């Protein structure tokens, strides 16, 4: 039986609390599919497929059946979840026994017990694309009410993926900034070394460093690191870098 409106509202509130409380996006998605199965009701299995480096992968599933149903599609490179992920459109199969859209996927899925399915695209921004996949061993398991409920869960999953992608992007930017600061510190330290050894100002010292970089076709930070390493490993009386 489909969930009541009260149960749906309760599930939506639980998802919002879960998104705030869960630190790991995969943990959130695992809880999400469990709540989806409990809320939508019926004998269904649920999973989430995400594209990783252009290849689909099941990141979480409510049971082993859902993961197996997903993997049949990956093996044949066709099926409802892949179509939903690639087109951004909901894909509903009322009865796989009479649906001939996926000729390679269909016989294997039927053999595994799939009769109906519902796949909804997940939009995580430009960094994550996937699908929420619902499977049933009964035909016509996903009517309008179940579709509306499933869309709510897909929206929450998309939201989680968007936040995860944004976090990963921010971490990447932070790492780049940290590397840039380290590089800048090395370059400034090297300019100071050249100034001391050649009794010149900062502009002249930077010109020397840049010339060395261009002549060797090596990045400034690499030349700077080599100079710092050379100076730190030699006695003070020696001058490893002169004009």
C-alpha atoms as a PDB file:
ATOM      1  CA  UNK A   1       0.000   0.000   0.000  1.00  0.00           C
ATOM      2  CA  UNK A   2       1.281   3.549  -0.758  1.00  0.00           C
ATOM      3  CA  UNK A   3       2.260   5.713   2.178  1.00  0.00           C
ATOM      4  CA  UNK A   4      -0.211   8.185   3.684  1.00  0.00           C
ATOM      5  CA  UNK A   5       0.293  11.935   3.312  1.00  0.00           C
ATOM      6  CA  UNK A   6       1.316  12.067   6.972  1.00  0.00           C
ATOM      7  CA  UNK A   7       3.973   9.418   6.402  1.00  0.00           C
ATOM      8  CA  UNK A   8       5.236  11.294   3.339  1.00  0.00           C
ATOM      9  CA  UNK A   9       5.550  14.552   5.299  1.00  0.00           C
ATOM     10  CA  UNK A  10       7.296  12.668   8.091  1.00  0.00           C
ATOM     11  CA  UNK A  11       9.724  11.129   5.584  1.00  0.00           C
ATOM     12  CA  UNK A  12      10.455  14.542   4.034  1.00  0.00           C
ATOM     13  CA  UNK A  13      11.222  15.986   7.478  1.00  0.00           C
ATOM     14  CA  UNK A  14      13.400  12.963   8.271  1.00  0.00           C
ATOM     15  CA  UNK A  15      15.356  13.476   5.025  1.00  0.00           C
ATOM     16  CA  UNK A  16      15.985  17.135   5.809  1.00  0.00           C
ATOM     17  CA  UNK A  17      17.258  16.265   9.277  1.00  0.00           C
ATOM     18  CA  UNK A  18      19.340  13.446   7.833  1.00  0.00           C
ATOM     19  CA  UNK A  19      20.983  15.720   5.263  1.00  0.00           C
ATOM     20  CA  UNK A  20      22.021  18.124   8.021  1.00  0.00           C
ATOM     21  CA  UNK A  21      23.224  15.387  10.369  1.00  0.00           C
ATOM     22  CA  UNK A  22      25.098  13.102   7.969  1.00  0.00           C
ATOM     23  CA  UNK A  23      28.714  13.995   7.250  1.00  0.00           C
ATOM     24  CA  UNK A  24      29.324  11.509   4.445  1.00  0.00           C
ATOM     25  CA  UNK A  25      27.236  11.712   1.263  1.00  0.00           C
ATOM     26  CA  UNK A  26      27.313   7.939   0.741  1.00  0.00           C
ATOM     27  CA  UNK A  27      25.953   7.424   4.266  1.00  0.00           C
ATOM     28  CA  UNK A  28      23.180   9.892   3.458  1.00  0.00           C
ATOM     29  CA  UNK A  29      22.305   8.109   0.218  1.00  0.00           C
ATOM     30  CA  UNK A  30      22.275   4.755   2.020  1.00  0.00           C
ATOM     31  CA  UNK A  31      19.777   6.107   4.515  1.00  0.00           C
ATOM     32  CA  UNK A  32      17.814   7.761   1.717  1.00  0.00           C
ATOM     33  CA  UNK A  33      17.217   4.522  -0.184  1.00  0.00           C
ATOM     34  CA  UNK A  34      16.195   2.781   3.043  1.00  0.00           C
ATOM     35  CA  UNK A  35      13.637   5.513   3.779  1.00  0.00           C
ATOM     36  CA  UNK A  36      12.443   5.445   0.159  1.00  0.00           C
ATOM     37  CA  UNK A  37      11.755   1.713   0.316  1.00  0.00           C
ATOM     38  CA  UNK A  38       9.928   2.059   3.643  1.00  0.00           C
ATOM     39  CA  UNK A  39       7.894   5.087   2.525  1.00  0.00           C
ATOM     40  CA  UNK A  40       6.902   4.001  -0.986  1.00  0.00           C
ATOM     41  CA  UNK A  41       6.064   0.531   0.279  1.00  0.00           C
ATOM     42  CA  UNK A  42       5.562  -2.701  -1.563  1.00  0.00           C
ATOM     43  CA  UNK A  43       8.162  -5.300  -2.446  1.00  0.00           C
ATOM     44  CA  UNK A  44      10.682  -2.912  -3.972  1.00  0.00           C
ATOM     45  CA  UNK A  45      14.447  -2.508  -4.103  1.00  0.00           C
ATOM     46  CA  UNK A  46      16.226   0.818  -4.495  1.00  0.00           C
ATOM     47  CA  UNK A  47      19.662   1.964  -5.568  1.00  0.00           C
ATOM     48  CA  UNK A  48      21.553   5.069  -6.596  1.00  0.00           C
ATOM     49  CA  UNK A  49      23.742   5.126  -9.697  1.00  0.00           C
ATOM     50  CA  UNK A  50      26.314   7.885 -10.128  1.00  0.00           C
ATOM     51  CA  UNK A  51      28.551   8.569 -13.099  1.00  0.00           C
ATOM     52  CA  UNK A  52      32.207   8.463 -12.062  1.00  0.00           C
ATOM     53  CA  UNK A  53      34.697   9.555 -14.709  1.00  0.00           C
ATOM     54  CA  UNK A  54      32.083   8.777 -17.335  1.00  0.00           C
ATOM     55  CA  UNK A  55      31.364   5.280 -16.006  1.00  0.00           C
ATOM     56  CA  UNK A  56      28.199   4.348 -14.062  1.00  0.00           C
ATOM     57  CA  UNK A  57      28.562   2.849 -10.598  1.00  0.00           C
ATOM     58  CA  UNK A  58      26.080   1.918  -7.882  1.00  0.00           C
ATOM     59  CA  UNK A  59      27.092   3.934  -4.835  1.00  0.00           C
ATOM     60  CA  UNK A  60      24.397   2.535  -2.561  1.00  0.00           C
ATOM     61  CA  UNK A  61      21.476   0.103  -2.626  1.00  0.00           C
ATOM     62  CA  UNK A  62      18.764  -1.097  -0.288  1.00  0.00           C
ATOM     63  CA  UNK A  63      19.685  -4.742  -0.921  1.00  0.00           C
ATOM     64  CA  UNK A  64      21.809  -7.006  -3.101  1.00  0.00           C
ATOM     65  CA  UNK A  65      18.987  -7.290  -5.661  1.00  0.00           C
ATOM     66  CA  UNK A  66      19.074  -3.591  -6.558  1.00  0.00           C
ATOM     67  CA  UNK A  67      22.827  -3.653  -7.084  1.00  0.00           C
ATOM     68  CA  UNK A  68      22.495  -6.758  -9.272  1.00  0.00           C
ATOM     69  CA  UNK A  69      19.716  -5.172 -11.349  1.00  0.00           C
ATOM     70  CA  UNK A  70      21.891  -2.087 -11.873  1.00  0.00           C
ATOM     71  CA  UNK A  71      24.920  -4.110 -12.898  1.00  0.00           C
ATOM     72  CA  UNK A  72      22.996  -5.954 -15.601  1.00  0.00           C
ATOM     73  CA  UNK A  73      22.525  -2.571 -17.253  1.00  0.00           C
ATOM     74  CA  UNK A  74      26.175  -1.622 -16.908  1.00  0.00           C
ATOM     75  CA  UNK A  75      27.205  -4.885 -18.538  1.00  0.00           C
ATOM     76  CA  UNK A  76      24.956  -4.316 -21.568  1.00  0.00           C
ATOM     77  CA  UNK A  77      25.380  -0.515 -21.577  1.00  0.00           C
ATOM     78  CA  UNK A  78      21.597  -0.053 -21.741  1.00  0.00           C
ATOM     79  CA  UNK A  79      18.631  -0.004 -19.444  1.00  0.00           C
ATOM     80  CA  UNK A  80      16.234   2.330 -17.627  1.00  0.00           C
ATOM     81  CA  UNK A  81      18.676   3.759 -15.079  1.00  0.00           C
ATOM     82  CA  UNK A  82      21.330   4.510 -17.727  1.00  0.00           C
ATOM     83  CA  UNK A  83      18.698   6.125 -19.946  1.00  0.00           C
ATOM     84  CA  UNK A  84      17.427   8.289 -17.076  1.00  0.00           C
ATOM     85  CA  UNK A  85      20.967   9.320 -16.223  1.00  0.00           C
ATOM     86  CA  UNK A  86      21.923  10.127 -19.817  1.00  0.00           C
ATOM     87  CA  UNK A  87      18.733  11.870 -20.923  1.00  0.00           C
ATOM     88  CA  UNK A  88      17.660  13.533 -17.675  1.00  0.00           C
ATOM     89  CA  UNK A  89      14.184  12.047 -18.128  1.00  0.00           C
ATOM     90  CA  UNK A  90      12.147   9.738 -15.888  1.00  0.00           C
ATOM     91  CA  UNK A  91      11.989   6.182 -17.238  1.00  0.00           C
ATOM     92  CA  UNK A  92       9.024   4.019 -16.192  1.00  0.00           C
ATOM     93  CA  UNK A  93       8.595   0.342 -17.040  1.00  0.00           C
ATOM     94  CA  UNK A  94       5.118  -0.856 -16.068  1.00  0.00           C
ATOM     95  CA  UNK A  95       5.688  -4.457 -17.087  1.00  0.00           C
ATOM     96  CA  UNK A  96       9.051  -5.569 -18.427  1.00  0.00           C
ATOM     97  CA  UNK A  97       7.472  -8.723 -19.848  1.00  0.00           C
ATOM     98  CA  UNK A  98       5.727  -6.608 -22.481  1.00  0.00           C
ATOM     99  CA  UNK A  99       8.214  -3.733 -22.807  1.00  0.00           C
ATOM    100  CA  UNK A 100      10.670  -4.130 -25.669  1.00  0.00           C
ATOM    101  CA  UNK A 101      12.699  -0.925 -25.304  1.00  0.00           C
ATOM    102  CA  UNK A 102      15.824  -2.573 -23.922  1.00  0.00           C
ATOM    103  CA  UNK A 103      16.429  -5.713 -25.947  1.00  0.00           C
ATOM    104  CA  UNK A 104      19.721  -6.734 -24.344  1.00  0.00           C
ATOM    105  CA  UNK A 105      18.813  -5.803 -20.768  1.00  0.00           C
ATOM    106  CA  UNK A 106      15.258  -7.187 -20.773  1.00  0.00           C
ATOM    107  CA  UNK A 107      15.785 -10.989 -20.845  1.00  0.00           C
ATOM    108  CA  UNK A 108      18.479 -10.921 -18.161  1.00  0.00           C
ATOM    109  CA  UNK A 109      16.441  -8.614 -15.891  1.00  0.00           C
ATOM    110  CA  UNK A 110      13.354 -10.805 -16.286  1.00  0.00           C
ATOM    111  CA  UNK A 111      15.423 -13.841 -15.380  1.00  0.00           C
ATOM    112  CA  UNK A 112      16.508 -12.052 -12.201  1.00  0.00           C
ATOM    113  CA  UNK A 113      12.880 -11.315 -11.310  1.00  0.00           C
ATOM    114  CA  UNK A 114      12.393  -7.670 -12.377  1.00  0.00           C
ATOM    115  CA  UNK A 115       8.879  -6.917 -13.601  1.00  0.00           C
ATOM    116  CA  UNK A 116       8.580  -3.146 -13.201  1.00  0.00           C
ATOM    117  CA  UNK A 117      10.949  -0.296 -12.494  1.00  0.00           C
ATOM    118  CA  UNK A 118      11.175   3.443 -12.080  1.00  0.00           C
ATOM    119  CA  UNK A 119      14.373   5.396 -12.715  1.00  0.00           C
ATOM    120  CA  UNK A 120      14.638   9.112 -11.962  1.00  0.00           C
ATOM    121  CA  UNK A 121      17.569  11.321 -12.979  1.00  0.00           C
ATOM    122  CA  UNK A 122      19.704  12.945 -10.287  1.00  0.00           C
ATOM    123  CA  UNK A 123      21.186  16.354 -10.951  1.00  0.00           C
ATOM    124  CA  UNK A 124      24.176  17.257  -8.805  1.00  0.00           C
ATOM    125  CA  UNK A 125      25.207  20.241 -10.891  1.00  0.00           C
ATOM    126  CA  UNK A 126      28.069  19.981 -13.358  1.00  0.00           C
ATOM    127  CA  UNK A 127      30.055  17.631 -11.129  1.00  0.00           C
ATOM    128  CA  UNK A 128      27.658  14.734 -10.494  1.00  0.00           C
ATOM    129  CA  UNK A 129      25.012  12.995 -12.580  1.00  0.00           C
ATOM    130  CA  UNK A 130      23.155   9.872 -11.600  1.00  0.00           C
ATOM    131  CA  UNK A 131      19.825   8.138 -11.156  1.00  0.00           C
ATOM    132  CA  UNK A 132      17.598   6.866  -8.372  1.00  0.00           C
ATOM    133  CA  UNK A 133      16.471   3.375  -9.358  1.00  0.00           C
ATOM    134  CA  UNK A 134      13.429   1.556  -7.980  1.00  0.00           C
ATOM    135  CA  UNK A 135      12.691  -2.053  -8.907  1.00  0.00           C
ATOM    136  CA  UNK A 136       9.790  -4.374  -8.173  1.00  0.00           C
ATOM    137  CA  UNK A 137       9.100  -8.057  -8.761  1.00  0.00           C
ATOM    138  CA  UNK A 138       5.466  -7.116  -9.438  1.00  0.00           C
ATOM    139  CA  UNK A 139       4.106  -5.500 -12.583  1.00  0.00           C
ATOM    140  CA  UNK A 140       2.595  -1.995 -12.395  1.00  0.00           C
ATOM    141  CA  UNK A 141       4.213  -1.271  -9.032  1.00  0.00           C
ATOM    142  CA  UNK A 142       4.793   2.428  -9.687  1.00  0.00           C
ATOM    143  CA  UNK A 143       1.615   4.415 -10.202  1.00  0.00           C
ATOM    144  CA  UNK A 144       1.218   8.211 -10.046  1.00  0.00           C
ATOM    145  CA  UNK A 145       1.397   8.325  -6.227  1.00  0.00           C
ATOM    146  CA  UNK A 146       4.564   6.237  -6.099  1.00  0.00           C
ATOM    147  CA  UNK A 147       6.099   8.329  -8.871  1.00  0.00           C
ATOM    148  CA  UNK A 148       5.412  11.547  -6.949  1.00  0.00           C
ATOM    149  CA  UNK A 149       6.952  10.092  -3.805  1.00  0.00           C
ATOM    150  CA  UNK A 150       9.966   8.798  -5.723  1.00  0.00           C
ATOM    151  CA  UNK A 151      10.495  12.237  -7.260  1.00  0.00           C
ATOM    152  CA  UNK A 152      10.688  13.719  -3.774  1.00  0.00           C
ATOM    153  CA  UNK A 153      13.461  11.290  -2.875  1.00  0.00           C
ATOM    154  CA  UNK A 154      15.257  11.985  -6.154  1.00  0.00           C
ATOM    155  CA  UNK A 155      15.168  15.703  -5.368  1.00  0.00           C
ATOM    156  CA  UNK A 156      16.737  15.072  -1.959  1.00  0.00           C
ATOM    157  CA  UNK A 157      19.406  12.822  -3.479  1.00  0.00           C
ATOM    158  CA  UNK A 158      20.185  15.509  -6.077  1.00  0.00           C
ATOM    159  CA  UNK A 159      20.490  18.054  -3.306  1.00  0.00           C
ATOM    160  CA  UNK A 160      22.947  15.846  -1.430  1.00  0.00           C
ATOM    161  CA  UNK A 161      25.027  15.277  -4.560  1.00  0.00           C
ATOM    162  CA  UNK A 162      25.067  19.019  -5.274  1.00  0.00           C
ATOM    163  CA  UNK A 163      26.352  19.748  -1.772  1.00  0.00           C
ATOM    164  CA  UNK A 164      28.930  16.958  -2.015  1.00  0.00           C
ATOM    165  CA  UNK A 165      30.127  18.203  -5.402  1.00  0.00           C
ATOM    166  CA  UNK A 166      30.330  21.770  -4.116  1.00  0.00           C
ATOM    167  CA  UNK A 167      32.287  20.612  -1.073  1.00  0.00           C
ATOM    168  CA  UNK A 168      34.689  18.601  -3.244  1.00  0.00           C
ATOM    169  CA  UNK A 169      35.105  21.591  -5.559  1.00  0.00           C
ATOM    170  CA  UNK A 170      35.838  23.870  -2.603  1.00  0.00           C
ATOM    171  CA  UNK A 171      38.387  21.385  -1.256  1.00  0.00           C
ATOM    172  CA  UNK A 172      40.048  21.323  -4.667  1.00  0.00           C
ATOM    173  CA  UNK A 173      40.185  25.127  -4.758  1.00  0.00           C
ATOM    174  CA  UNK A 174      41.573  25.200  -1.207  1.00  0.00           C
ATOM    175  CA  UNK A 175      44.268  22.708  -2.160  1.00  0.00           C
ATOM    176  CA  UNK A 176      45.150  24.807  -5.198  1.00  0.00           C
ATOM    177  CA  UNK A 177      45.358  27.952  -3.090  1.00  0.00           C
ATOM    178  CA  UNK A 178      47.496  26.176  -0.512  1.00  0.00           C
ATOM    179  CA  UNK A 179      49.842  24.964  -3.254  1.00  0.00           C
ATOM    180  CA  UNK A 180      49.991  28.468  -4.709  1.00  0.00           C
ATOM    181  CA  UNK A 181      50.871  29.936  -1.305  1.00  0.00           C
ATOM    182  CA  UNK A 182      53.581  27.347  -0.774  1.00  0.00           C
ATOM    183  CA  UNK A 183      54.917  28.074  -4.253  1.00  0.00           C
ATOM    184  CA  UNK A 184      54.857  31.831  -3.605  1.00  0.00           C
ATOM    185  CA  UNK A 185      56.676  31.368  -0.298  1.00  0.00           C
ATOM    186  CA  UNK A 186      59.396  29.311  -1.999  1.00  0.00           C
ATOM    187  CA  UNK A 187      59.813  31.898  -4.743  1.00  0.00           C
ATOM    188  CA  UNK A 188      60.014  34.767  -2.234  1.00  0.00           C
ATOM    189  CA  UNK A 189      62.552  32.848  -0.165  1.00  0.00           C
ATOM    190  CA  UNK A 190      64.643  32.194  -3.276  1.00  0.00           C
ATOM    191  CA  UNK A 191      64.533  35.855  -4.265  1.00  0.00           C
ATOM    192  CA  UNK A 192      65.923  36.659  -0.829  1.00  0.00           C
ATOM    193  CA  UNK A 193      68.752  34.144  -1.338  1.00  0.00           C
ATOM    194  CA  UNK A 194      69.651  35.619  -4.739  1.00  0.00           C
ATOM    195  CA  UNK A 195      69.522  39.165  -3.341  1.00  0.00           C
ATOM    196  CA  UNK A 196      71.924  38.201  -0.562  1.00  0.00           C
ATOM    197  CA  UNK A 197      74.331  36.351  -2.806  1.00  0.00           C
ATOM    198  CA  UNK A 198      74.369  38.910  -5.619  1.00  0.00           C
ATOM    199  CA  UNK A 199      73.800  42.114  -3.607  1.00  0.00           C
ATOM    200  CA  UNK A 200      70.915  43.177  -5.852  1.00  0.00           C
ATOM    201  CA  UNK A 201      67.351  44.346  -5.341  1.00  0.00           C
ATOM    202  CA  UNK A 202      64.213  42.168  -5.518  1.00  0.00           C
ATOM    203  CA  UNK A 203      63.417  43.032  -9.149  1.00  0.00           C
ATOM    204  CA  UNK A 204      66.879  42.029 -10.295  1.00  0.00           C
ATOM    205  CA  UNK A 205      66.768  38.847  -8.230  1.00  0.00           C
ATOM    206  CA  UNK A 206      63.397  37.879  -9.716  1.00  0.00           C
ATOM    207  CA  UNK A 207      64.805  38.547 -13.213  1.00  0.00           C
ATOM    208  CA  UNK A 208      67.643  36.123 -12.480  1.00  0.00           C
ATOM    209  CA  UNK A 209      65.196  33.479 -11.244  1.00  0.00           C
ATOM    210  CA  UNK A 210      62.893  33.944 -14.222  1.00  0.00           C
ATOM    211  CA  UNK A 211      65.817  33.699 -16.676  1.00  0.00           C
ATOM    212  CA  UNK A 212      66.885  30.419 -15.065  1.00  0.00           C
ATOM    213  CA  UNK A 213      63.318  29.119 -15.361  1.00  0.00           C
ATOM    214  CA  UNK A 214      63.021  30.106 -19.031  1.00  0.00           C
ATOM    215  CA  UNK A 215      66.457  28.822 -20.017  1.00  0.00           C
ATOM    216  CA  UNK A 216      65.738  25.411 -18.488  1.00  0.00           C
ATOM    217  CA  UNK A 217      62.032  25.398 -19.432  1.00  0.00           C
ATOM    218  CA  UNK A 218      61.213  24.594 -15.827  1.00  0.00           C
ATOM    219  CA  UNK A 219      58.548  26.201 -13.653  1.00  0.00           C
ATOM    220  CA  UNK A 220      59.606  28.992 -11.299  1.00  0.00           C
ATOM    221  CA  UNK A 221      58.595  27.042  -8.228  1.00  0.00           C
ATOM    222  CA  UNK A 222      60.710  24.070  -9.308  1.00  0.00           C
ATOM    223  CA  UNK A 223      63.826  26.217  -9.773  1.00  0.00           C
ATOM    224  CA  UNK A 224      63.102  27.931  -6.456  1.00  0.00           C
ATOM    225  CA  UNK A 225      62.784  24.611  -4.625  1.00  0.00           C
ATOM    226  CA  UNK A 226      66.058  23.391  -6.111  1.00  0.00           C
ATOM    227  CA  UNK A 227      67.872  26.550  -5.015  1.00  0.00           C
ATOM    228  CA  UNK A 228      66.473  26.335  -1.474  1.00  0.00           C
ATOM    229  CA  UNK A 229      67.480  22.675  -1.263  1.00  0.00           C
ATOM    230  CA  UNK A 230      70.976  23.447  -2.568  1.00  0.00           C
ATOM    231  CA  UNK A 231      71.501  26.306  -0.112  1.00  0.00           C
ATOM    232  CA  UNK A 232      70.252  24.304   2.858  1.00  0.00           C
ATOM    233  CA  UNK A 233      72.603  21.407   2.104  1.00  0.00           C
ATOM    234  CA  UNK A 234      75.825  23.436   1.548  1.00  0.00           C
ATOM    235  CA  UNK A 235      78.154  25.272   3.945  1.00  0.00           C
ATOM    236  CA  UNK A 236      77.440  29.020   4.280  1.00  0.00           C
ATOM    237  CA  UNK A 237      80.674  29.976   2.474  1.00  0.00           C
ATOM    238  CA  UNK A 238      79.568  28.310  -0.758  1.00  0.00           C
ATOM    239  CA  UNK A 239      77.396  30.109  -3.282  1.00  0.00           C
ATOM    240  CA  UNK A 240      75.303  27.666  -5.328  1.00  0.00           C
ATOM    241  CA  UNK A 241      73.533  30.311  -7.370  1.00  0.00           C
ATOM    242  CA  UNK A 242      75.321  33.286  -8.881  1.00  0.00           C
ATOM    243  CA  UNK A 243      74.434  35.675 -11.649  1.00  0.00           C
END
